[in-house]
Amino acid sequence: MGMRDQLEDMLAAGRDGALLRFSLGELLYQAGETGPAITHLAEAVAQDPQYSAAWKLYGRALLEHGDTDAAIDALERGIAVAEDRGDNQAAKEMRVFLKRARRRDSEGRN
């Protein structure tokens, strides 16, 4: 049984939590399954709105999935969370993704 199966079994058994959702979302994202990854990452930040790493991956997944407006929103929220927590590296990385998202958004609206 792989890690994904183990995490899905934990979720099915009712052992839900932000870390579980983040871990499952990360595995799915790495496998190129951005749609399902987004679902789990959205739940991770809903369960723990202070989870800056989850915000970062959530925004990145949304951007890669083509949902630029949602990516911008998630990254802006994630940057605020990271800054409040003193997580400077995560904030810095999210600013890079936010810049890409805004550029993509402006190119798409021209």
Protein backbone atom coordinates (compact mmCIF):
# COMPACT_ATOMS: atom_id res chain seq x y z
CA MET A 1 0.00 0.00 0.00
CA GLY A 2 1.40 3.37 -1.04
CA MET A 3 1.37 6.62 0.87
CA ARG A 4 -1.60 7.93 -1.07
CA ASP A 5 -3.63 4.84 -0.19
CA GLN A 6 -2.68 5.17 3.46
CA LEU A 7 -3.71 8.82 3.58
CA GLU A 8 -6.98 8.12 1.78
CA ASP A 9 -7.68 5.28 4.23
CA MET A 10 -7.04 7.62 7.17
CA LEU A 11 -9.42 10.16 5.68
CA ALA A 12 -12.08 7.49 5.06
CA ALA A 13 -11.69 6.36 8.67
CA GLY A 14 -12.57 9.86 9.87
CA ARG A 15 -9.08 10.96 10.86
CA ASP A 16 -9.40 14.23 8.95
CA GLY A 17 -7.14 17.17 9.63
CA ALA A 18 -5.26 20.01 7.96
CA LEU A 19 -1.96 18.11 7.87
CA LEU A 20 -3.61 15.03 6.37
CA ARG A 21 -5.34 17.15 3.73
CA PHE A 22 -2.11 19.03 2.96
CA SER A 23 -0.15 15.78 2.64
CA LEU A 24 -2.74 14.23 0.34
CA GLY A 25 -2.98 17.43 -1.70
CA GLU A 26 0.79 17.56 -2.04
CA LEU A 27 0.97 13.95 -3.26
CA LEU A 28 -1.77 14.57 -5.80
CA TYR A 29 -0.13 17.81 -6.94
CA GLN A 30 3.20 16.05 -7.43
CA ALA A 31 1.40 13.38 -9.46
CA GLY A 32 -0.01 16.09 -11.75
CA GLU A 33 -3.56 15.71 -10.44
CA THR A 34 -4.16 19.39 -9.75
CA GLY A 35 -7.97 19.19 -9.59
CA PRO A 36 -8.11 16.66 -6.75
CA ALA A 37 -5.11 18.34 -5.10
CA ILE A 38 -6.98 21.65 -5.03
CA THR A 39 -9.92 20.02 -3.26
CA HIS A 40 -7.71 18.73 -0.44
CA LEU A 41 -5.62 21.89 -0.19
CA ALA A 42 -8.76 24.03 0.02
CA GLU A 43 -9.91 21.86 2.90
CA ALA A 44 -6.49 22.15 4.57
CA VAL A 45 -6.66 25.95 4.64
CA ALA A 46 -10.32 25.85 5.69
CA GLN A 47 -9.41 23.67 8.67
CA ASP A 48 -6.28 25.69 9.53
CA PRO A 49 -6.36 29.20 8.04
CA GLN A 50 -2.88 29.85 9.52
CA TYR A 51 -1.21 27.03 7.53
CA SER A 52 1.10 29.06 5.28
CA ALA A 53 2.59 26.04 3.48
CA ALA A 54 -0.91 24.91 2.53
CA TRP A 55 -1.77 28.37 1.21
CA LYS A 56 1.40 28.37 -0.90
CA LEU A 57 0.71 25.01 -2.52
CA TYR A 58 -3.01 25.80 -2.87
CA GLY A 59 -2.23 29.00 -4.77
CA ARG A 60 0.34 27.28 -6.92
CA ALA A 61 -2.04 24.42 -7.77
CA LEU A 62 -4.82 26.86 -8.65
CA LEU A 63 -2.47 28.77 -10.92
CA GLU A 64 -1.31 25.63 -12.71
CA HIS A 65 -4.91 24.47 -13.02
CA GLY A 66 -5.74 27.72 -14.83
CA ASP A 67 -7.89 29.35 -12.13
CA THR A 68 -5.92 32.59 -12.06
CA ASP A 69 -8.43 34.68 -10.08
CA ALA A 70 -8.67 32.07 -7.32
CA ALA A 71 -4.88 31.68 -7.34
CA ILE A 72 -4.42 35.43 -6.84
CA ASP A 73 -6.89 35.40 -3.95
CA ALA A 74 -5.28 32.37 -2.29
CA LEU A 75 -1.76 33.74 -2.69
CA GLU A 76 -2.71 37.15 -1.31
CA ARG A 77 -4.32 35.48 1.70
CA GLY A 78 -1.36 33.15 2.09
CA ILE A 79 1.14 36.00 2.02
CA ALA A 80 -0.79 37.78 4.78
CA VAL A 81 -0.80 34.59 6.88
CA ALA A 82 2.89 33.95 6.30
CA GLU A 83 3.81 37.53 7.19
CA ASP A 84 1.72 37.39 10.37
CA ARG A 85 3.49 34.18 11.36
CA GLY A 86 6.96 35.45 10.46
CA ASP A 87 7.27 32.79 7.76
CA ASN A 88 9.33 35.00 5.47
CA GLN A 89 10.46 32.29 3.07
CA ALA A 90 6.90 31.16 2.34
CA ALA A 91 5.80 34.77 1.86
CA LYS A 92 8.70 35.37 -0.53
CA GLU A 93 7.86 32.27 -2.59
CA MET A 94 4.18 33.19 -2.71
CA ARG A 95 5.06 36.69 -3.96
CA VAL A 96 6.84 35.05 -6.92
CA PHE A 97 3.76 32.94 -7.73
CA LEU A 98 1.51 35.99 -7.22
CA LYS A 99 3.57 37.99 -9.70
CA ARG A 100 3.18 35.18 -12.26
CA ALA A 101 -0.55 34.98 -11.61
CA ARG A 102 -1.03 38.73 -12.03
CA ARG A 103 1.01 38.71 -15.24
CA ARG A 104 -1.08 35.82 -16.59
CA ASP A 105 -4.26 37.62 -15.54
CA SER A 106 -3.26 40.85 -17.30
CA GLU A 107 -2.22 38.98 -20.45
CA GLY A 108 -5.52 37.13 -20.51
CA ARG A 109 -7.59 40.29 -20.24
CA ASN A 110 -5.86 42.15 -23.07
